[in-house]
Protein backbone atom coordinates (compact mmCIF):
# COMPACT_ATOMS: atom_id res chain seq x y z
CA UNK A 1 -15.17 13.44 -1.20
CA UNK A 2 -13.82 10.47 -3.07
CA UNK A 3 -14.77 8.32 -5.83
CA UNK A 4 -13.04 5.20 -7.32
CA UNK A 5 -14.01 2.75 -10.00
CA UNK A 6 -12.61 -0.03 -12.35
CA UNK A 7 -12.82 0.40 -16.27
CA UNK A 8 -12.14 -2.72 -18.42
CA UNK A 9 -10.83 -2.31 -21.96
CA UNK A 10 -12.34 -4.35 -24.99
CA UNK A 11 -9.67 -7.03 -24.17
CA UNK A 12 -11.35 -7.24 -20.28
CA UNK A 13 -8.04 -5.48 -18.80
CA UNK A 14 -8.82 -3.49 -15.79
CA UNK A 15 -8.09 -0.03 -15.19
CA UNK A 16 -8.69 1.69 -12.17
CA UNK A 17 -9.39 5.48 -11.35
CA UNK A 18 -9.93 7.62 -8.24
CA UNK A 19 -10.08 11.04 -7.09
CA UNK A 20 -9.72 12.39 -3.59
CA UNK A 21 -11.51 15.86 -2.49
CA UNK A 22 -10.95 17.63 1.01
CA UNK A 23 -11.43 21.36 1.82
CA UNK A 24 -7.62 21.76 2.46
CA UNK A 25 -4.34 21.31 0.79
CA UNK A 26 -2.14 18.63 2.24
CA UNK A 27 1.54 18.24 1.43
CA UNK A 28 1.26 14.68 -0.22
CA UNK A 29 4.27 12.93 -1.05
CA UNK A 30 4.65 10.56 -4.06
CA UNK A 31 6.84 7.69 -3.03
CA UNK A 32 8.40 4.40 -4.48
CA UNK A 33 9.27 1.74 -2.13
CA UNK A 34 11.36 -1.15 -3.19
CA UNK A 35 11.14 -4.85 -2.32
CA UNK A 36 13.08 -5.66 0.84
CA UNK A 37 12.09 -2.48 2.77
CA UNK A 38 11.24 -3.05 6.20
CA UNK A 39 8.19 -2.09 7.89
CA UNK A 40 6.53 -1.68 11.61
CA UNK A 41 2.86 -1.45 12.29
CA UNK A 42 2.42 -0.18 16.13
CA UNK A 43 -0.55 0.29 17.87
CA UNK A 44 -1.29 2.03 21.57
CA UNK A 45 -2.08 -1.63 22.86
CA UNK A 46 -0.31 -4.34 21.08
CA UNK A 47 2.87 -5.94 19.96
CA UNK A 48 4.13 -4.41 16.66
CA UNK A 49 3.82 -6.26 13.41
CA UNK A 50 6.96 -6.28 11.19
CA UNK A 51 6.74 -6.80 7.64
CA UNK A 52 9.13 -6.72 4.87
CA UNK A 53 8.04 -5.56 1.47
CA UNK A 54 7.57 -8.69 -1.22
CA UNK A 55 6.73 -6.09 -3.70
CA UNK A 56 7.66 -2.92 -4.83
CA UNK A 57 4.91 0.03 -4.95
CA UNK A 58 4.43 3.71 -5.87
CA UNK A 59 2.07 5.39 -3.50
CA UNK A 60 0.71 8.85 -2.59
CA UNK A 61 1.45 9.38 1.16
CA UNK A 62 0.56 11.59 3.86
CA UNK A 63 2.23 11.91 6.97
CA UNK A 64 0.11 10.81 10.22
CA UNK A 65 1.44 13.18 12.67
CA UNK A 66 2.64 16.64 12.70
CA UNK A 67 6.64 17.06 13.23
CA UNK A 68 8.31 18.82 15.95
CA UNK A 69 11.64 19.86 16.49
CA UNK A 70 12.62 16.65 18.60
CA UNK A 71 10.96 14.17 16.45
CA UNK A 72 10.87 15.36 12.74
CA UNK A 73 8.76 13.26 10.17
CA UNK A 74 10.09 9.95 8.94
CA UNK A 75 9.27 7.21 6.29
CA UNK A 76 7.64 5.37 9.01
CA UNK A 77 5.26 8.33 9.48
CA UNK A 78 4.08 8.42 5.96
CA UNK A 79 1.09 6.44 5.22
CA UNK A 80 -0.25 4.95 2.29
CA UNK A 81 -3.53 6.70 0.80
CA UNK A 82 -3.30 5.16 -3.06
CA UNK A 83 -1.22 2.90 -4.41
CA UNK A 84 -0.31 0.34 -7.22
CA UNK A 85 2.23 -2.48 -6.82
CA UNK A 86 4.35 -4.63 -9.15
CA UNK A 87 1.71 -7.32 -9.50
CA UNK A 88 -0.95 -4.98 -10.07
CA UNK A 89 -2.47 -4.79 -7.02
CA UNK A 90 -4.01 -1.28 -6.14
CA UNK A 91 -5.00 0.09 -2.63
CA UNK A 92 -6.90 3.10 -1.79
CA UNK A 93 -8.08 4.97 1.10
CA UNK A 94 -11.58 6.68 1.11
CA UNK A 95 -13.28 8.85 3.96
CA UNK A 96 -16.02 6.76 5.88
CA UNK A 97 -16.59 8.64 9.11
CA UNK A 98 -18.71 5.77 10.74
CA UNK A 99 -15.77 3.57 10.65
CA UNK A 100 -14.62 4.51 14.53
CA UNK A 101 -16.30 2.55 17.21
CA UNK A 102 -15.69 -0.12 19.68
CA UNK A 103 -13.48 -2.71 18.31
CA UNK A 104 -13.18 -6.19 19.95
CA UNK A 105 -10.14 -6.27 22.32
CA UNK A 106 -7.19 -8.44 21.00
CA UNK A 107 -4.44 -9.91 23.15
CA UNK A 108 -1.92 -7.58 24.17
CA UNK A 109 1.03 -10.19 22.94
CA UNK A 110 -0.72 -11.07 19.49
CA UNK A 111 0.89 -8.54 16.67
CA UNK A 112 -1.55 -6.12 15.31
CA UNK A 113 -1.74 -4.02 12.06
CA UNK A 114 -2.97 -0.59 12.80
CA UNK A 115 -5.39 0.14 10.30
CA UNK A 116 -3.21 3.26 9.21
CA UNK A 117 -0.76 0.45 7.92
CA UNK A 118 -2.77 -1.19 5.76
CA UNK A 119 -1.79 0.56 2.65
CA UNK A 120 1.78 -0.18 2.98
CA UNK A 121 0.93 -4.03 4.18
CA UNK A 122 -1.46 -4.71 1.18
CA UNK A 123 0.73 -3.30 -1.08
CA UNK A 124 4.17 -4.98 -0.32
CA UNK A 125 2.88 -8.24 0.76
CA UNK A 126 0.47 -9.16 -1.73
CA UNK A 127 -0.48 -9.93 -5.39
CA UNK A 128 -3.98 -10.53 -5.35
CA UNK A 129 -7.34 -9.28 -4.15
CA UNK A 130 -7.70 -13.19 -2.92
CA UNK A 131 -4.58 -13.06 -0.97
CA UNK A 132 -5.78 -9.92 0.90
CA UNK A 133 -9.01 -11.00 1.89
CA UNK A 134 -7.48 -14.65 3.24
CA UNK A 135 -4.97 -12.67 5.20
CA UNK A 136 -7.19 -10.12 6.52
CA UNK A 137 -9.51 -13.12 7.88
CA UNK A 138 -6.52 -14.25 10.08
CA UNK A 139 -4.74 -10.69 10.98
CA UNK A 140 -6.36 -8.35 13.59
CA UNK A 141 -6.58 -4.97 12.32
CA UNK A 142 -7.17 -1.91 14.90
CA UNK A 143 -8.61 1.58 14.62
CA UNK A 144 -6.17 3.80 15.94
CA UNK A 145 -6.40 7.79 17.23
CA UNK A 146 -4.35 9.70 14.43
CA UNK A 147 -2.35 12.70 15.40
CA UNK A 148 -2.30 14.78 12.21
CA UNK A 149 -6.42 14.61 12.83
CA UNK A 150 -6.40 15.69 16.62
CA UNK A 151 -6.76 12.34 17.78
CA UNK A 152 -9.96 11.18 15.62
CA UNK A 153 -10.03 7.82 15.35
CA UNK A 154 -9.28 6.49 11.84
CA UNK A 155 -12.36 7.77 9.69
CA UNK A 156 -11.82 5.61 6.58
CA UNK A 157 -12.45 2.68 4.72
CA UNK A 158 -10.39 0.96 1.70
CA UNK A 159 -10.64 -0.76 -1.68
CA UNK A 160 -8.46 -3.14 -3.36
CA UNK A 161 -8.21 -4.05 -6.87
CA UNK A 162 -5.85 -6.53 -8.82
CA UNK A 163 -5.13 -7.85 -12.54
CA UNK A 164 -8.05 -10.18 -12.88
CA UNK A 165 -10.52 -7.46 -12.16
CA UNK A 166 -11.21 -8.67 -8.48
CA UNK A 167 -12.34 -6.09 -5.77
CA UNK A 168 -12.54 -5.85 -2.00
CA UNK A 169 -14.01 -3.15 0.45
CA UNK A 170 -12.20 -3.03 3.72
CA UNK A 171 -14.84 -1.44 6.21
CA UNK A 172 -14.83 -0.68 9.77
CA UNK A 173 -18.61 -0.10 10.57
CA UNK A 174 -18.82 1.32 14.19
CA UNK A 175 -15.62 -0.29 14.68
CA UNK A 176 -16.28 -4.15 13.32
CA UNK A 177 -14.34 -5.08 10.29
CA UNK A 178 -16.27 -6.31 7.28
CA UNK A 179 -14.99 -7.66 4.23
CA UNK A 180 -17.12 -7.47 0.91
CA UNK A 181 -16.49 -8.77 -2.81
CA UNK A 182 -17.39 -5.78 -4.77
CA UNK A 183 -19.19 -6.96 -7.98
CA UNK A 184 -19.17 -3.34 -9.72
CA UNK A 185 -15.81 -2.30 -9.05
CA UNK A 186 -16.88 1.28 -7.65
CA UNK A 187 -16.39 2.87 -4.09
CA UNK A 188 -17.14 6.32 -2.60
CA UNK A 189 -18.14 7.22 0.84
CA UNK A 190 -20.94 6.43 3.42
CA UNK A 191 -23.46 4.76 4.06
CA UNK A 192 -22.06 1.23 4.14
CA UNK A 193 -21.08 -0.22 1.06
CA UNK A 194 -23.84 -3.14 1.21
CA UNK A 195 -26.24 -0.20 1.33
CA UNK A 196 -24.80 1.37 -1.88
CA UNK A 197 -25.51 -2.19 -3.80
CA UNK A 198 -29.09 -2.08 -2.62
CA UNK A 199 -29.70 1.34 -3.90
CA UNK A 200 -28.60 0.41 -7.36
CA UNK A 201 -32.05 -1.77 -7.40
CA UNK A 202 -33.52 1.81 -7.75
CA UNK A 203 -31.80 2.55 -10.82
CA UNK A 204 -32.44 -0.76 -12.98
CA UNK A 205 -34.07 1.67 -15.61
CA UNK A 206 -30.55 3.14 -16.80
CA UNK A 207 -29.13 2.72 -20.05
CA UNK A 208 -26.92 4.58 -22.34
CA UNK A 209 -29.45 4.33 -25.43
CA UNK A 210 -31.12 7.81 -25.93
CA UNK A 211 -34.80 7.43 -26.39
CA UNK A 212 -34.97 10.77 -27.98
CA UNK A 213 -38.80 10.83 -29.40
CA UNK A 214 -41.93 9.98 -28.10
CA UNK A 215 -45.55 10.60 -28.72
CA UNK A 216 -48.14 12.07 -26.39
CA UNK A 217 -51.75 12.10 -27.58
CA UNK A 218 -51.26 13.25 -30.92
CA UNK A 219 -48.04 15.56 -30.22
CA UNK A 220 -44.68 14.17 -31.45
CA UNK A 221 -42.11 15.25 -28.76
CA UNK A 222 -38.37 14.91 -29.99
CA UNK A 223 -35.24 16.11 -28.42
CA UNK A 224 -33.06 18.53 -30.04
CA UNK A 225 -29.81 17.12 -29.04
CA UNK A 226 -28.42 13.56 -27.94
CA UNK A 227 -27.84 12.85 -24.30
CA UNK A 228 -31.42 12.11 -22.93
CA UNK A 229 -29.72 8.99 -21.59
CA UNK A 230 -28.15 10.44 -18.69
CA UNK A 231 -31.48 12.08 -17.42
CA UNK A 232 -32.17 9.57 -14.43
CA UNK A 233 -28.64 9.85 -13.18
CA UNK A 234 -28.26 11.80 -9.87
CA UNK A 235 -26.92 15.02 -10.46
CA UNK A 236 -25.52 15.81 -6.83
CA UNK A 237 -22.14 15.25 -5.66
CA UNK A 238 -22.89 13.62 -2.39
CA UNK A 239 -21.56 9.95 -1.97
CA UNK A 240 -24.72 7.90 -2.90
CA UNK A 241 -25.19 10.05 -6.22
CA UNK A 242 -21.60 9.52 -7.40
CA UNK A 243 -21.67 6.09 -6.69
CA UNK A 244 -24.42 5.48 -9.20
CA UNK A 245 -22.58 7.87 -11.62
CA UNK A 246 -19.60 5.83 -11.19
CA UNK A 247 -21.34 2.62 -11.92
CA UNK A 248 -22.99 4.20 -14.73
CA UNK A 249 -19.70 5.58 -16.60
CA UNK A 250 -17.71 2.48 -15.71
CA UNK A 251 -20.23 0.09 -17.06
CA UNK A 252 -21.58 1.91 -20.38
CA UNK A 253 -18.48 4.02 -21.79
CA UNK A 254 -17.34 2.29 -24.96
CA UNK A 255 -14.54 -0.11 -24.32
CA UNK A 256 -11.08 0.98 -25.93
CA UNK A 257 -9.24 -1.10 -28.13
CA UNK A 258 -5.75 -0.41 -26.61
CA UNK A 259 -4.12 0.40 -23.61
CA UNK A 260 -3.24 4.07 -24.07
CA UNK A 261 -6.60 4.75 -25.17
CA UNK A 262 -7.83 2.70 -22.14
CA UNK A 263 -6.02 5.04 -19.71
CA UNK A 264 -7.34 7.96 -21.68
CA UNK A 265 -10.94 6.94 -21.55
CA UNK A 266 -10.75 6.34 -17.60
CA UNK A 267 -9.13 9.85 -17.54
CA UNK A 268 -12.13 11.18 -19.24
CA UNK A 269 -14.59 9.16 -16.95
CA UNK A 270 -12.76 10.78 -13.95
CA UNK A 271 -13.53 14.20 -15.34
CA UNK A 272 -17.03 13.71 -14.37
CA UNK A 273 -15.94 13.78 -10.82
CA UNK A 274 -13.55 16.56 -11.06
CA UNK A 275 -14.50 19.20 -8.58
CA UNK A 276 -13.86 22.69 -9.01
CA UNK A 277 -13.40 25.07 -5.52
CA UNK A 278 -16.56 26.86 -4.89
CA UNK A 279 -18.87 24.36 -6.63
CA UNK A 280 -20.44 23.79 -3.26
CA UNK A 281 -20.08 25.27 -0.13
CA UNK A 282 -20.53 24.94 3.80
CA UNK A 283 -20.55 27.57 6.33
CA UNK A 284 -19.09 27.14 9.72
CA UNK A 285 -22.50 26.93 11.37
CA UNK A 286 -24.13 24.57 8.89
CA UNK A 287 -25.05 21.26 9.71
CA UNK A 288 -23.10 19.70 6.73
CA UNK A 289 -19.92 21.48 7.73
CA UNK A 290 -17.86 18.76 9.27
CA UNK A 291 -19.15 15.78 7.35
CA UNK A 292 -15.86 15.28 5.54
CA UNK A 293 -12.72 13.92 7.54
CA UNK A 294 -13.21 14.80 11.17
CA UNK A 295 -9.90 16.84 12.72
CA UNK A 296 -8.50 18.12 9.69
CA UNK A 297 -7.81 21.61 10.02
CA UNK A 298 -9.94 24.09 8.61
CA UNK A 299 -8.75 26.46 5.51
CA UNK A 300 -9.02 29.66 6.84
CA UNK A 301 -8.40 31.67 3.39
CA UNK A 302 -12.06 31.75 3.20
CA UNK A 303 -15.36 32.11 5.09
CA UNK A 304 -16.57 28.97 3.83
CA UNK A 305 -15.74 25.20 3.42
CA UNK A 306 -15.36 24.12 -0.36
CA UNK A 307 -14.29 20.48 -1.05
CA UNK A 308 -12.34 20.33 -4.43
CA UNK A 309 -10.25 17.62 -6.20
CA UNK A 310 -7.16 17.70 -4.24
CA UNK A 311 -5.80 15.03 -7.00
CA UNK A 312 -6.95 12.25 -9.28
CA UNK A 313 -4.91 9.03 -9.97
CA UNK A 314 -5.32 6.39 -12.82
CA UNK A 315 -3.60 3.08 -12.79
CA UNK A 316 -2.86 0.59 -15.56
CA UNK A 317 -2.78 -2.66 -13.54
CA UNK A 318 -1.54 -4.64 -16.61
CA UNK A 319 1.52 -2.39 -17.39
CA UNK A 320 2.20 -1.01 -13.87
CA UNK A 321 1.74 2.66 -14.93
CA UNK A 322 0.48 5.06 -12.06
CA UNK A 323 -0.44 8.48 -13.45
CA UNK A 324 -1.36 11.50 -10.98
CA UNK A 325 -2.76 14.56 -11.30
CA UNK A 326 -2.86 17.64 -8.55
CA UNK A 327 -5.38 20.33 -8.53
CA UNK A 328 -2.51 22.57 -9.89
CA UNK A 329 -2.38 20.81 -13.10
CA UNK A 330 -4.20 19.98 -16.08
CA UNK A 331 -1.84 17.34 -17.02
CA UNK A 332 -1.06 13.71 -15.97
CA UNK A 333 2.40 12.60 -14.62
CA UNK A 334 3.00 9.36 -15.26
CA UNK A 335 5.40 7.04 -13.15
CA UNK A 336 6.57 3.70 -14.62
CA UNK A 337 6.77 1.02 -11.78
CA UNK A 338 8.96 -1.49 -14.03
CA UNK A 339 11.45 1.30 -14.99
CA UNK A 340 12.08 1.74 -10.98
CA UNK A 341 12.73 -1.82 -10.40
CA UNK A 342 16.68 -1.28 -9.84
CA UNK A 343 16.04 1.19 -6.98
CA UNK A 344 17.17 -0.35 -3.79
CA UNK A 345 16.10 2.43 -1.32
CA UNK A 346 12.88 4.29 -1.24
CA UNK A 347 12.49 7.62 -2.88
CA UNK A 348 10.17 10.59 -2.96
CA UNK A 349 8.51 13.66 -4.55
CA UNK A 350 6.24 16.16 -3.35
CA UNK A 351 2.97 15.83 -5.65
CA UNK A 352 3.23 19.66 -5.94
CA UNK A 353 6.53 19.54 -7.62
CA UNK A 354 4.85 17.09 -10.33
CA UNK A 355 2.51 19.72 -11.32
CA UNK A 356 3.39 20.92 -14.84
CA UNK A 357 6.00 18.34 -15.32
CA UNK A 358 6.58 16.18 -18.65
CA UNK A 359 4.33 13.23 -18.84
CA UNK A 360 6.93 10.84 -17.94
CA UNK A 361 7.41 11.60 -14.23
CA UNK A 362 9.38 8.38 -13.45
CA UNK A 363 12.85 9.98 -13.37
CA UNK A 364 11.86 12.12 -10.25
CA UNK A 365 11.54 9.07 -8.36
CA UNK A 366 14.81 7.23 -9.43
CA UNK A 367 16.88 6.75 -6.31
């Protein structure tokens, strides 16, 4: 489904990479939202939470409902799946079906944030993970049925990272919100985040040092190639396997000497999680056919479901550069948040339209 990780260069500066896998292609929009833009988060039961952007941000967005002739999709319908703000704070949405469940009721007159608006709220209001965590301890957040998913309650969890390297996991486990400091900077999907950390206790033997020779009795064994160090890594694309692999690559990959080399390095790391169509498939009658985001309309072009990497993003938290690559492209399109500082109105471009563009796609979002 999704894999996210933080990588640090030789100077200790953080860079963030993530992939998003689904079995269907969706009409993603890349958006730039300037400071001063006004948001309103509405739930089915409580007063709306209104907030004005204190920080500009760039994000990959997706509508939370289907348009109709009477109600076309507007800016308020676009929800943040991935983004970076002008203070180097990131936000990411990842699949987590266990999120749905009974939540504690909140007094109807109290302004509540819909979980669908966590992305715009986090990126527009805060400059650090610590500030997000403090605010969430006071701000009620409710999971809501999503029209685009046929009424399924938000089946996601969320991560945020900042320039200090701090990381936060926001998880609704069976309806109850839990906030976790993330010491490894990695996230995938279920089970719960604390389970993934416990599972790392099974991999204390991992090292990036090849041990290419050994003696068994009088027989001297030797490897004809390098790479034996990765033999103990999980091979599957399950969320459990990807979590362990992401920790390994983020921790052991050589620390780049410059920011440009660092973002290139993160791109190479994320290639380990890039999934082509058909690498694994599920037929409709299989037990695993519906383990991704519930409620998504099936792709009927094939008799099976196959998860593929819809897009990959890379974020330079220090230089405020956002890179994105869709499934239809081998190259990343880069967006410079600083160069968009003069924008006073939101701007949008289809992710599909960025496929095959030049390396610098900032001009596509110039208002």
